[in-house]
Amino acid sequence: MPKMKTKSSAKKRFKLTGTSKIKRKHAYKSHILTKKSKKRKLALTHSTLVHEADEANIKAQLRLT
């Protein structure tokens, strides 16, 4: 049986933290930035964690389970 491959889109978008939580970046920071406030753009710069409800789905895509 062949090896299970990870989803390429998921491995580009998510990283594991030391405590095996999943880190992600915010969306809506690539274009049309003139109408967004400086505070909003700065907040979108920082990374955050994936919600608990979505963790199992992403771990399956990364083949971590």
PDB file of N, CA and C in Angstrom:
ATOM      1  N   MET A   1       0.843  -1.179   0.000  1.00  0.00           N
ATOM      2  CA  MET A   1       0.000   0.000   0.000  1.00  0.00           C
ATOM      3  C   MET A   1       0.892   1.247   0.000  1.00  0.00           C
ATOM      4  N   PRO A   2       0.577   2.241  -0.798  1.00  0.00           N
ATOM      5  CA  PRO A   2       1.433   3.435  -0.849  1.00  0.00           C
ATOM      6  C   PRO A   2       1.326   4.285   0.421  1.00  0.00           C
ATOM      7  N   LYS A   3       2.318   5.143   0.580  1.00  0.00           N
ATOM      8  CA  LYS A   3       2.335   6.029   1.744  1.00  0.00           C
ATOM      9  C   LYS A   3       1.209   7.048   1.651  1.00  0.00           C
ATOM     10  N   MET A   4       0.722   7.487   2.813  1.00  0.00           N
ATOM     11  CA  MET A   4      -0.272   8.543   2.859  1.00  0.00           C
ATOM     12  C   MET A   4       0.443   9.883   2.711  1.00  0.00           C
ATOM     13  N   LYS A   5       0.050  10.673   1.746  1.00  0.00           N
ATOM     14  CA  LYS A   5       0.679  11.969   1.529  1.00  0.00           C
ATOM     15  C   LYS A   5      -0.064  13.062   2.294  1.00  0.00           C
ATOM     16  N   THR A   6       0.689  14.040   2.755  1.00  0.00           N
ATOM     17  CA  THR A   6       0.058  15.189   3.398  1.00  0.00           C
ATOM     18  C   THR A   6      -0.517  16.098   2.323  1.00  0.00           C
ATOM     19  N   LYS A   7      -1.524  16.861   2.680  1.00  0.00           N
ATOM     20  CA  LYS A   7      -2.102  17.830   1.749  1.00  0.00           C
ATOM     21  C   LYS A   7      -1.115  18.988   1.608  1.00  0.00           C
ATOM     22  N   SER A   8      -0.693  19.276   0.398  1.00  0.00           N
ATOM     23  CA  SER A   8       0.303  20.326   0.167  1.00  0.00           C
ATOM     24  C   SER A   8      -0.204  21.686   0.620  1.00  0.00           C
ATOM     25  N   SER A   9      -1.490  21.944   0.414  1.00  0.00           N
ATOM     26  CA  SER A   9      -2.039  23.238   0.828  1.00  0.00           C
ATOM     27  C   SER A   9      -1.978  23.395   2.344  1.00  0.00           C
ATOM     28  N   ALA A  10      -2.205  22.312   3.081  1.00  0.00           N
ATOM     29  CA  ALA A  10      -2.187  22.383   4.542  1.00  0.00           C
ATOM     30  C   ALA A  10      -0.770  22.543   5.073  1.00  0.00           C
ATOM     31  N   LYS A  11       0.195  21.857   4.477  1.00  0.00           N
ATOM     32  CA  LYS A  11       1.553  21.955   5.014  1.00  0.00           C
ATOM     33  C   LYS A  11       2.160  23.327   4.761  1.00  0.00           C
ATOM     34  N   LYS A  12       1.638  24.061   3.752  1.00  0.00           N
ATOM     35  CA  LYS A  12       2.115  25.417   3.495  1.00  0.00           C
ATOM     36  C   LYS A  12       1.484  26.425   4.456  1.00  0.00           C
ATOM     37  N   ARG A  13       0.313  26.125   4.986  1.00  0.00           N
ATOM     38  CA  ARG A  13      -0.439  27.102   5.766  1.00  0.00           C
ATOM     39  C   ARG A  13      -0.351  26.935   7.278  1.00  0.00           C
ATOM     40  N   PHE A  14      -0.022  25.747   7.766  1.00  0.00           N
ATOM     41  CA  PHE A  14      -0.075  25.469   9.200  1.00  0.00           C
ATOM     42  C   PHE A  14       1.252  24.948   9.716  1.00  0.00           C
ATOM     43  N   LYS A  15       1.573  25.316  10.983  1.00  0.00           N
ATOM     44  CA  LYS A  15       2.760  24.811  11.666  1.00  0.00           C
ATOM     45  C   LYS A  15       2.329  24.334  13.048  1.00  0.00           C
ATOM     46  N   LEU A  16       3.066  23.369  13.578  1.00  0.00           N
ATOM     47  CA  LEU A  16       2.801  22.885  14.921  1.00  0.00           C
ATOM     48  C   LEU A  16       3.625  23.672  15.927  1.00  0.00           C
ATOM     49  N   THR A  17       3.023  23.966  17.073  1.00  0.00           N
ATOM     50  CA  THR A  17       3.756  24.608  18.156  1.00  0.00           C
ATOM     51  C   THR A  17       4.391  23.515  19.011  1.00  0.00           C
ATOM     52  N   GLY A  18       5.133  23.925  20.017  1.00  0.00           N
ATOM     53  CA  GLY A  18       5.787  22.957  20.896  1.00  0.00           C
ATOM     54  C   GLY A  18       4.812  22.117  21.694  1.00  0.00           C
ATOM     55  N   THR A  19       3.634  22.658  21.965  1.00  0.00           N
ATOM     56  CA  THR A  19       2.623  21.918  22.721  1.00  0.00           C
ATOM     57  C   THR A  19       1.606  21.269  21.788  1.00  0.00           C
ATOM     58  N   SER A  20       1.985  21.062  20.538  1.00  0.00           N
ATOM     59  CA  SER A  20       1.197  20.401  19.476  1.00  0.00           C
ATOM     60  C   SER A  20      -0.143  21.085  19.189  1.00  0.00           C
ATOM     61  N   LYS A  21      -0.171  22.395  19.390  1.00  0.00           N
ATOM     62  CA  LYS A  21      -1.297  23.174  18.876  1.00  0.00           C
ATOM     63  C   LYS A  21      -0.940  23.591  17.467  1.00  0.00           C
ATOM     64  N   ILE A  22      -1.910  24.058  16.701  1.00  0.00           N
ATOM     65  CA  ILE A  22      -1.668  24.389  15.302  1.00  0.00           C
ATOM     66  C   ILE A  22      -1.725  25.906  15.132  1.00  0.00           C
ATOM     67  N   LYS A  23      -0.661  26.452  14.540  1.00  0.00           N
ATOM     68  CA  LYS A  23      -0.535  27.889  14.338  1.00  0.00           C
ATOM     69  C   LYS A  23      -0.928  28.219  12.903  1.00  0.00           C
ATOM     70  N   ARG A  24      -1.570  29.377  12.736  1.00  0.00           N
ATOM     71  CA  ARG A  24      -1.979  29.822  11.411  1.00  0.00           C
ATOM     72  C   ARG A  24      -1.797  31.317  11.299  1.00  0.00           C
ATOM     73  N   LYS A  25      -1.834  31.825  10.067  1.00  0.00           N
ATOM     74  CA  LYS A  25      -1.775  33.261   9.839  1.00  0.00           C
ATOM     75  C   LYS A  25      -3.175  33.775   9.515  1.00  0.00           C
ATOM     76  N   HIS A  26      -3.367  35.075   9.694  1.00  0.00           N
ATOM     77  CA  HIS A  26      -4.650  35.683   9.380  1.00  0.00           C
ATOM     78  C   HIS A  26      -4.815  35.893   7.879  1.00  0.00           C
ATOM     79  N   ALA A  27      -6.041  35.904   7.435  1.00  0.00           N
ATOM     80  CA  ALA A  27      -6.364  36.190   6.037  1.00  0.00           C
ATOM     81  C   ALA A  27      -6.615  37.692   5.875  1.00  0.00           C
ATOM     82  N   TYR A  28      -6.871  38.114   4.670  1.00  0.00           N
ATOM     83  CA  TYR A  28      -7.250  39.498   4.326  1.00  0.00           C
ATOM     84  C   TYR A  28      -6.109  40.497   4.527  1.00  0.00           C
ATOM     85  N   LYS A  29      -4.886  40.100   4.293  1.00  0.00           N
ATOM     86  CA  LYS A  29      -3.751  41.015   4.440  1.00  0.00           C
ATOM     87  C   LYS A  29      -2.962  41.133   3.127  1.00  0.00           C
ATOM     88  N   SER A  30      -3.498  40.631   2.018  1.00  0.00           N
ATOM     89  CA  SER A  30      -2.702  40.575   0.792  1.00  0.00           C
ATOM     90  C   SER A  30      -2.931  41.753  -0.142  1.00  0.00           C
ATOM     91  N   HIS A  31      -4.135  42.264  -0.248  1.00  0.00           N
ATOM     92  CA  HIS A  31      -4.399  43.389  -1.154  1.00  0.00           C
ATOM     93  C   HIS A  31      -5.607  44.168  -0.669  1.00  0.00           C
ATOM     94  N   ILE A  32      -5.895  45.284  -1.341  1.00  0.00           N
ATOM     95  CA  ILE A  32      -6.947  46.232  -0.941  1.00  0.00           C
ATOM     96  C   ILE A  32      -6.738  46.651   0.518  1.00  0.00           C
ATOM     97  N   LEU A  33      -5.553  47.190   0.776  1.00  0.00           N
ATOM     98  CA  LEU A  33      -5.206  47.557   2.144  1.00  0.00           C
ATOM     99  C   LEU A  33      -5.499  49.016   2.460  1.00  0.00           C
ATOM    100  N   THR A  34      -5.882  49.797   1.447  1.00  0.00           N
ATOM    101  CA  THR A  34      -6.077  51.232   1.685  1.00  0.00           C
ATOM    102  C   THR A  34      -7.291  51.520   2.557  1.00  0.00           C
ATOM    103  N   LYS A  35      -8.315  50.718   2.442  1.00  0.00           N
ATOM    104  CA  LYS A  35      -9.522  50.972   3.236  1.00  0.00           C
ATOM    105  C   LYS A  35      -9.445  50.374   4.645  1.00  0.00           C
ATOM    106  N   LYS A  36      -8.430  49.571   4.918  1.00  0.00           N
ATOM    107  CA  LYS A  36      -8.293  48.969   6.239  1.00  0.00           C
ATOM    108  C   LYS A  36      -7.464  49.880   7.136  1.00  0.00           C
ATOM    109  N   SER A  37      -7.853  49.946   8.397  1.00  0.00           N
ATOM    110  CA  SER A  37      -7.151  50.815   9.330  1.00  0.00           C
ATOM    111  C   SER A  37      -5.787  50.225   9.696  1.00  0.00           C
ATOM    112  N   LYS A  38      -4.907  51.078  10.181  1.00  0.00           N
ATOM    113  CA  LYS A  38      -3.583  50.629  10.578  1.00  0.00           C
ATOM    114  C   LYS A  38      -3.676  49.608  11.709  1.00  0.00           C
ATOM    115  N   LYS A  39      -4.599  49.834  12.630  1.00  0.00           N
ATOM    116  CA  LYS A  39      -4.800  48.913  13.755  1.00  0.00           C
ATOM    117  C   LYS A  39      -5.226  47.533  13.253  1.00  0.00           C
ATOM    118  N   ARG A  40      -6.124  47.506  12.274  1.00  0.00           N
ATOM    119  CA  ARG A  40      -6.618  46.243  11.724  1.00  0.00           C
ATOM    120  C   ARG A  40      -5.515  45.499  10.975  1.00  0.00           C
ATOM    121  N   LYS A  41      -4.730  46.233  10.173  1.00  0.00           N
ATOM    122  CA  LYS A  41      -3.644  45.616   9.417  1.00  0.00           C
ATOM    123  C   LYS A  41      -2.574  45.056  10.343  1.00  0.00           C
ATOM    124  N   LEU A  42      -2.288  45.780  11.433  1.00  0.00           N
ATOM    125  CA  LEU A  42      -1.301  45.306  12.402  1.00  0.00           C
ATOM    126  C   LEU A  42      -1.790  44.036  13.091  1.00  0.00           C
ATOM    127  N   ALA A  43      -3.067  43.986  13.405  1.00  0.00           N
ATOM    128  CA  ALA A  43      -3.631  42.797  14.044  1.00  0.00           C
ATOM    129  C   ALA A  43      -3.602  41.594  13.106  1.00  0.00           C
ATOM    130  N   LEU A  44      -3.796  41.830  11.815  1.00  0.00           N
ATOM    131  CA  LEU A  44      -3.767  40.740  10.843  1.00  0.00           C
ATOM    132  C   LEU A  44      -2.358  40.218  10.590  1.00  0.00           C
ATOM    133  N   THR A  45      -1.348  41.002  10.954  1.00  0.00           N
ATOM    134  CA  THR A  45       0.037  40.592  10.748  1.00  0.00           C
ATOM    135  C   THR A  45       0.411  39.421  11.656  1.00  0.00           C
ATOM    136  N   HIS A  46      -0.080  39.440  12.877  1.00  0.00           N
ATOM    137  CA  HIS A  46       0.316  38.438  13.865  1.00  0.00           C
ATOM    138  C   HIS A  46      -0.375  37.106  13.618  1.00  0.00           C
ATOM    139  N   SER A  47       0.325  36.034  13.954  1.00  0.00           N
ATOM    140  CA  SER A  47      -0.268  34.714  13.787  1.00  0.00           C
ATOM    141  C   SER A  47      -1.105  34.361  15.010  1.00  0.00           C
ATOM    142  N   THR A  48      -1.938  33.329  14.856  1.00  0.00           N
ATOM    143  CA  THR A  48      -2.827  32.909  15.935  1.00  0.00           C
ATOM    144  C   THR A  48      -2.958  31.397  15.890  1.00  0.00           C
ATOM    145  N   LEU A  49      -3.729  30.853  16.803  1.00  0.00           N
ATOM    146  CA  LEU A  49      -3.928  29.408  16.849  1.00  0.00           C
ATOM    147  C   LEU A  49      -5.233  29.022  16.166  1.00  0.00           C
ATOM    148  N   VAL A  50      -5.262  27.815  15.658  1.00  0.00           N
ATOM    149  CA  VAL A  50      -6.459  27.280  15.023  1.00  0.00           C
ATOM    150  C   VAL A  50      -7.465  26.934  16.116  1.00  0.00           C
ATOM    151  N   HIS A  51      -8.732  27.131  15.851  1.00  0.00           N
ATOM    152  CA  HIS A  51      -9.787  26.824  16.810  1.00  0.00           C
ATOM    153  C   HIS A  51      -9.839  25.319  17.071  1.00  0.00           C
ATOM    154  N   GLU A  52     -10.217  24.955  18.280  1.00  0.00           N
ATOM    155  CA  GLU A  52     -10.255  23.540  18.692  1.00  0.00           C
ATOM    156  C   GLU A  52     -11.161  22.706  17.800  1.00  0.00           C
ATOM    157  N   ALA A  53     -12.248  23.298  17.321  1.00  0.00           N
ATOM    158  CA  ALA A  53     -13.195  22.555  16.491  1.00  0.00           C
ATOM    159  C   ALA A  53     -12.579  22.162  15.153  1.00  0.00           C
ATOM    160  N   ASP A  54     -11.595  22.920  14.685  1.00  0.00           N
ATOM    161  CA  ASP A  54     -10.972  22.649  13.388  1.00  0.00           C
ATOM    162  C   ASP A  54      -9.682  21.851  13.489  1.00  0.00           C
ATOM    163  N   GLU A  55      -9.163  21.657  14.699  1.00  0.00           N
ATOM    164  CA  GLU A  55      -7.874  21.001  14.865  1.00  0.00           C
ATOM    165  C   GLU A  55      -7.849  19.582  14.325  1.00  0.00           C
ATOM    166  N   ALA A  56      -8.871  18.794  14.582  1.00  0.00           N
ATOM    167  CA  ALA A  56      -8.877  17.401  14.137  1.00  0.00           C
ATOM    168  C   ALA A  56      -8.852  17.303  12.616  1.00  0.00           C
ATOM    169  N   ASN A  57      -9.562  18.184  11.963  1.00  0.00           N
ATOM    170  CA  ASN A  57      -9.610  18.204  10.498  1.00  0.00           C
ATOM    171  C   ASN A  57      -8.244  18.539   9.915  1.00  0.00           C
ATOM    172  N   ILE A  58      -7.573  19.502  10.492  1.00  0.00           N
ATOM    173  CA  ILE A  58      -6.264  19.914   9.980  1.00  0.00           C
ATOM    174  C   ILE A  58      -5.206  18.873  10.287  1.00  0.00           C
ATOM    175  N   LYS A  59      -5.278  18.266  11.469  1.00  0.00           N
ATOM    176  CA  LYS A  59      -4.326  17.209  11.794  1.00  0.00           C
ATOM    177  C   LYS A  59      -4.487  16.017  10.864  1.00  0.00           C
ATOM    178  N   ALA A  60      -5.703  15.754  10.411  1.00  0.00           N
ATOM    179  CA  ALA A  60      -5.921  14.681   9.441  1.00  0.00           C
ATOM    180  C   ALA A  60      -5.304  15.038   8.101  1.00  0.00           C
ATOM    181  N   GLN A  61      -5.384  16.304   7.704  1.00  0.00           N
ATOM    182  CA  GLN A  61      -4.768  16.733   6.448  1.00  0.00           C
ATOM    183  C   GLN A  61      -3.249  16.684   6.516  1.00  0.00           C
ATOM    184  N   LEU A  62      -2.703  16.956   7.706  1.00  0.00           N
ATOM    185  CA  LEU A  62      -1.254  16.897   7.897  1.00  0.00           C
ATOM    186  C   LEU A  62      -0.793  15.472   8.219  1.00  0.00           C
ATOM    187  N   ARG A  63      -1.714  14.563   8.343  1.00  0.00           N
ATOM    188  CA  ARG A  63      -1.432  13.150   8.668  1.00  0.00           C
ATOM    189  C   ARG A  63      -0.735  13.003  10.013  1.00  0.00           C
ATOM    190  N   LEU A  64      -1.218  13.740  11.013  1.00  0.00           N
ATOM    191  CA  LEU A  64      -0.635  13.684  12.348  1.00  0.00           C
ATOM    192  C   LEU A  64      -1.368  12.714  13.258  1.00  0.00           C
ATOM    193  N   THR A  65      -2.521  12.244  12.840  1.00  0.00           N
ATOM    194  CA  THR A  65      -3.288  11.339  13.703  1.00  0.00           C
ATOM    195  C   THR A  65      -3.151   9.906  13.262  1.00  0.00           C
TER     196      THR A  65
END
